[in-house]
Protein backbone atom coordinates (compact mmCIF):
# COMPACT_ATOMS: atom_id res chain seq x y z
CA UNK A 1 66.89 143.85 143.73
CA UNK A 2 68.00 147.47 143.14
CA UNK A 3 71.38 146.66 141.64
CA UNK A 4 72.13 149.12 138.84
CA UNK A 5 69.23 151.39 139.81
CA UNK A 6 69.53 154.96 141.04
CA UNK A 7 67.25 155.06 144.07
CA UNK A 8 65.68 158.33 145.28
CA UNK A 9 63.44 158.29 148.35
CA UNK A 10 61.20 161.20 149.32
CA UNK A 11 60.12 161.05 152.97
CA UNK A 12 57.63 163.26 154.81
CA UNK A 13 56.23 161.23 157.70
CA UNK A 14 55.65 163.89 160.36
CA UNK A 15 58.15 162.77 162.99
CA UNK A 16 58.26 159.06 162.17
CA UNK A 17 61.39 159.67 160.08
CA UNK A 18 63.57 159.29 163.17
CA UNK A 19 62.74 155.66 164.06
CA UNK A 20 62.51 154.75 160.36
CA UNK A 21 65.98 156.12 159.58
CA UNK A 22 67.44 154.67 162.79
CA UNK A 23 66.21 151.22 161.74
CA UNK A 24 67.46 151.68 158.18
CA UNK A 25 70.94 152.55 159.51
CA UNK A 26 70.88 149.57 161.88
CA UNK A 27 69.82 147.18 159.11
CA UNK A 28 72.14 148.87 156.59
CA UNK A 29 69.24 149.40 154.19
CA UNK A 30 70.23 153.07 153.93
CA UNK A 31 72.93 151.84 151.51
CA UNK A 32 70.16 151.13 148.97
CA UNK A 33 69.33 154.83 148.60
CA UNK A 34 71.41 157.12 146.43
CA UNK A 35 69.43 160.18 147.53
CA UNK A 36 67.05 160.83 150.40
CA UNK A 37 64.79 163.85 150.22
CA UNK A 38 63.49 164.20 153.76
CA UNK A 39 61.50 166.70 155.75
CA UNK A 40 62.77 166.45 159.30
CA UNK A 41 60.43 167.27 162.20
CA UNK A 42 62.68 167.77 165.22
CA UNK A 43 60.96 168.69 168.45
CA UNK A 44 57.65 167.33 167.12
CA UNK A 45 58.24 164.02 168.87
CA UNK A 46 59.71 164.02 172.37
CA UNK A 47 63.39 163.17 172.44
CA UNK A 48 64.15 164.11 168.83
CA UNK A 49 65.94 167.45 168.69
CA UNK A 50 67.47 169.44 165.86
CA UNK A 51 70.91 168.38 167.07
CA UNK A 52 69.89 164.71 166.95
CA UNK A 53 68.45 165.18 163.45
CA UNK A 54 71.77 166.60 162.25
CA UNK A 55 73.70 163.68 163.78
CA UNK A 56 71.30 161.16 162.24
CA UNK A 57 71.76 162.71 158.80
CA UNK A 58 75.55 162.43 159.13
CA UNK A 59 75.21 158.69 159.81
CA UNK A 60 73.30 157.99 156.58
CA UNK A 61 75.14 156.47 153.63
CA UNK A 62 73.46 158.50 150.90
CA UNK A 63 73.08 162.06 149.73
CA UNK A 64 70.52 163.83 151.92
CA UNK A 65 68.44 166.76 150.72
CA UNK A 66 66.41 168.55 153.36
CA UNK A 67 63.14 170.01 152.13
CA UNK A 68 59.94 171.42 153.53
């Protein structure tokens, strides 16, 4: 459906970005995005640390821009 499109996603979901991005990586839907502008909220949800956020970003198959 997005073939030929340049897809930019902006995500600010107050801690829900972790399970969303984990599922996108698992389902390989992260390949759809060319860029992801995301505000990460480590330590807001138990179990999601800054270190985990950095590792999650490395696993994504798109350009990631951190913003806040």
